[in-house]
Amino acid sequence: MPELKLGKLPDRKPVKITIMASATLDKKLHSYAEAYRAAYGEDEKVGDLIPFMLEQFLDGDRGFAKARKVAEPAKDGPTAGTSARTGPKRRDNQPSTVS
């Protein structure tokens, strides 16, 4: 099987998650949706904004990023992530760039 520069695409199947939120958090989420509408002129449902808010939060958490970086090499093994032909492999969660 040939070595490709593009890594295997991640699972893109959406997963439904149900949570219970406090009344205070619900109010904040609806206020955020109103602020979003004011900023961008588009009315989005709170449920549609939450996945992007969570992803932004996780991507911006430096402690979490550091913990993941430390945990990944042990999980992947000592030689994972490199290839003699193409150099470092892309991680599944990295966006591709096209020139």
C-alpha atoms as a PDB file:
ATOM      1  CA  MET A   1       0.000   0.000   0.000  1.00  0.00           C
ATOM      2  CA  PRO A   2       1.489   3.397  -0.965  1.00  0.00           C
ATOM      3  CA  GLU A   3       2.408   6.026   1.615  1.00  0.00           C
ATOM      4  CA  LEU A   4       0.179   9.050   1.140  1.00  0.00           C
ATOM      5  CA  LYS A   5       0.863  12.539   2.377  1.00  0.00           C
ATOM      6  CA  LEU A   6      -2.729  12.868   3.568  1.00  0.00           C
ATOM      7  CA  GLY A   7      -3.440  10.839   6.680  1.00  0.00           C
ATOM      8  CA  LYS A   8      -6.576   8.758   7.057  1.00  0.00           C
ATOM      9  CA  LEU A   9      -9.594  11.008   7.508  1.00  0.00           C
ATOM     10  CA  PRO A  10     -11.181  10.990  10.956  1.00  0.00           C
ATOM     11  CA  ASP A  11     -14.611   9.547  11.671  1.00  0.00           C
ATOM     12  CA  ARG A  12     -17.019  12.245  10.555  1.00  0.00           C
ATOM     13  CA  LYS A  13     -20.199  10.579  11.759  1.00  0.00           C
ATOM     14  CA  PRO A  14     -22.001  13.001  14.081  1.00  0.00           C
ATOM     15  CA  VAL A  15     -22.592  11.793  17.619  1.00  0.00           C
ATOM     16  CA  LYS A  16     -25.633  12.947  19.572  1.00  0.00           C
ATOM     17  CA  ILE A  17     -24.872  13.964  23.153  1.00  0.00           C
ATOM     18  CA  THR A  18     -27.581  14.865  25.633  1.00  0.00           C
ATOM     19  CA  ILE A  19     -26.747  17.009  28.668  1.00  0.00           C
ATOM     20  CA  MET A  20     -28.619  18.634  31.511  1.00  0.00           C
ATOM     21  CA  ALA A  21     -27.845  22.343  31.932  1.00  0.00           C
ATOM     22  CA  SER A  22     -28.623  24.631  34.824  1.00  0.00           C
ATOM     23  CA  ALA A  23     -31.108  27.446  34.313  1.00  0.00           C
ATOM     24  CA  THR A  24     -28.213  29.893  34.640  1.00  0.00           C
ATOM     25  CA  LEU A  25     -26.212  28.184  31.905  1.00  0.00           C
ATOM     26  CA  ASP A  26     -29.280  27.998  29.650  1.00  0.00           C
ATOM     27  CA  LYS A  27     -29.772  31.741  30.068  1.00  0.00           C
ATOM     28  CA  LYS A  28     -26.090  32.390  29.242  1.00  0.00           C
ATOM     29  CA  LEU A  29     -26.283  30.181  26.150  1.00  0.00           C
ATOM     30  CA  HIS A  30     -29.344  32.029  24.863  1.00  0.00           C
ATOM     31  CA  SER A  31     -27.641  35.355  25.571  1.00  0.00           C
ATOM     32  CA  TYR A  32     -24.639  34.133  23.582  1.00  0.00           C
ATOM     33  CA  ALA A  33     -26.927  33.183  20.681  1.00  0.00           C
ATOM     34  CA  GLU A  34     -28.346  36.727  20.785  1.00  0.00           C
ATOM     35  CA  ALA A  35     -24.828  38.193  20.789  1.00  0.00           C
ATOM     36  CA  TYR A  36     -23.946  35.937  17.848  1.00  0.00           C
ATOM     37  CA  ARG A  37     -26.984  37.208  15.935  1.00  0.00           C
ATOM     38  CA  ALA A  38     -26.027  40.814  16.697  1.00  0.00           C
ATOM     39  CA  ALA A  39     -22.429  40.225  15.571  1.00  0.00           C
ATOM     40  CA  TYR A  40     -23.086  38.206  12.415  1.00  0.00           C
ATOM     41  CA  GLY A  41     -26.696  38.969  11.476  1.00  0.00           C
ATOM     42  CA  GLU A  42     -27.601  35.278  11.485  1.00  0.00           C
ATOM     43  CA  ASP A  43     -30.043  33.662  13.871  1.00  0.00           C
ATOM     44  CA  GLU A  44     -28.549  30.352  15.049  1.00  0.00           C
ATOM     45  CA  LYS A  45     -30.120  27.941  17.511  1.00  0.00           C
ATOM     46  CA  VAL A  46     -28.270  27.390  20.773  1.00  0.00           C
ATOM     47  CA  GLY A  47     -27.996  23.666  19.973  1.00  0.00           C
ATOM     48  CA  ASP A  48     -26.251  24.485  16.688  1.00  0.00           C
ATOM     49  CA  LEU A  49     -23.751  26.796  18.401  1.00  0.00           C
ATOM     50  CA  ILE A  50     -22.811  24.482  21.285  1.00  0.00           C
ATOM     51  CA  PRO A  51     -20.618  22.017  19.312  1.00  0.00           C
ATOM     52  CA  PHE A  52     -18.545  24.896  17.916  1.00  0.00           C
ATOM     53  CA  MET A  53     -18.318  26.534  21.343  1.00  0.00           C
ATOM     54  CA  LEU A  54     -17.087  23.281  22.902  1.00  0.00           C
ATOM     55  CA  GLU A  55     -14.549  22.728  20.138  1.00  0.00           C
ATOM     56  CA  GLN A  56     -13.264  26.301  20.509  1.00  0.00           C
ATOM     57  CA  PHE A  57     -12.985  25.834  24.271  1.00  0.00           C
ATOM     58  CA  LEU A  58     -11.081  22.550  23.977  1.00  0.00           C
ATOM     59  CA  ASP A  59      -8.783  23.858  21.235  1.00  0.00           C
ATOM     60  CA  GLY A  60      -7.942  26.908  23.359  1.00  0.00           C
ATOM     61  CA  ASP A  61      -7.228  25.014  26.594  1.00  0.00           C
ATOM     62  CA  ARG A  62      -3.411  24.924  26.820  1.00  0.00           C
ATOM     63  CA  GLY A  63      -3.382  22.525  29.764  1.00  0.00           C
ATOM     64  CA  PHE A  64      -5.551  20.085  27.846  1.00  0.00           C
ATOM     65  CA  ALA A  65      -3.378  20.413  24.728  1.00  0.00           C
ATOM     66  CA  LYS A  66      -0.265  19.726  26.791  1.00  0.00           C
ATOM     67  CA  ALA A  67      -1.866  16.694  28.449  1.00  0.00           C
ATOM     68  CA  ARG A  68      -2.916  15.302  25.056  1.00  0.00           C
ATOM     69  CA  LYS A  69       0.561  15.861  23.620  1.00  0.00           C
ATOM     70  CA  VAL A  70       2.121  13.936  26.504  1.00  0.00           C
ATOM     71  CA  ALA A  71      -0.433  11.092  26.256  1.00  0.00           C
ATOM     72  CA  GLU A  72      -0.342  10.627  22.463  1.00  0.00           C
ATOM     73  CA  PRO A  73       3.274   9.401  21.999  1.00  0.00           C
ATOM     74  CA  ALA A  74       2.765   6.652  24.586  1.00  0.00           C
ATOM     75  CA  LYS A  75      -0.422   5.592  22.841  1.00  0.00           C
ATOM     76  CA  ASP A  76       1.013   5.719  19.302  1.00  0.00           C
ATOM     77  CA  GLY A  77       4.333   4.003  20.002  1.00  0.00           C
ATOM     78  CA  PRO A  78       7.920   5.151  19.479  1.00  0.00           C
ATOM     79  CA  THR A  79       7.976   5.211  15.659  1.00  0.00           C
ATOM     80  CA  ALA A  80       4.491   6.508  14.950  1.00  0.00           C
ATOM     81  CA  GLY A  81       4.134   9.857  13.247  1.00  0.00           C
ATOM     82  CA  THR A  82       7.163   9.606  10.952  1.00  0.00           C
ATOM     83  CA  SER A  83       7.790   8.164   7.540  1.00  0.00           C
ATOM     84  CA  ALA A  84      11.106   7.872   5.716  1.00  0.00           C
ATOM     85  CA  ARG A  85       9.488   8.983   2.468  1.00  0.00           C
ATOM     86  CA  THR A  86       7.287  11.888   3.496  1.00  0.00           C
ATOM     87  CA  GLY A  87       8.592  13.034   6.883  1.00  0.00           C
ATOM     88  CA  PRO A  88       6.155  13.678   9.708  1.00  0.00           C
ATOM     89  CA  LYS A  89       2.667  12.381   9.068  1.00  0.00           C
ATOM     90  CA  ARG A  90      -0.326  14.641   9.500  1.00  0.00           C
ATOM     91  CA  ARG A  91      -2.502  14.038  12.526  1.00  0.00           C
ATOM     92  CA  ASP A  92      -6.139  13.316  11.700  1.00  0.00           C
ATOM     93  CA  ASN A  93      -7.304  16.468  13.451  1.00  0.00           C
ATOM     94  CA  GLN A  94      -5.066  18.833  11.468  1.00  0.00           C
ATOM     95  CA  PRO A  95      -6.692  20.661   8.550  1.00  0.00           C
ATOM     96  CA  SER A  96      -5.204  20.109   5.151  1.00  0.00           C
ATOM     97  CA  THR A  97      -3.943  23.043   3.151  1.00  0.00           C
ATOM     98  CA  VAL A  98      -4.164  23.239  -0.598  1.00  0.00           C
ATOM     99  CA  SER A  99      -2.047  25.673  -2.606  1.00  0.00           C
END
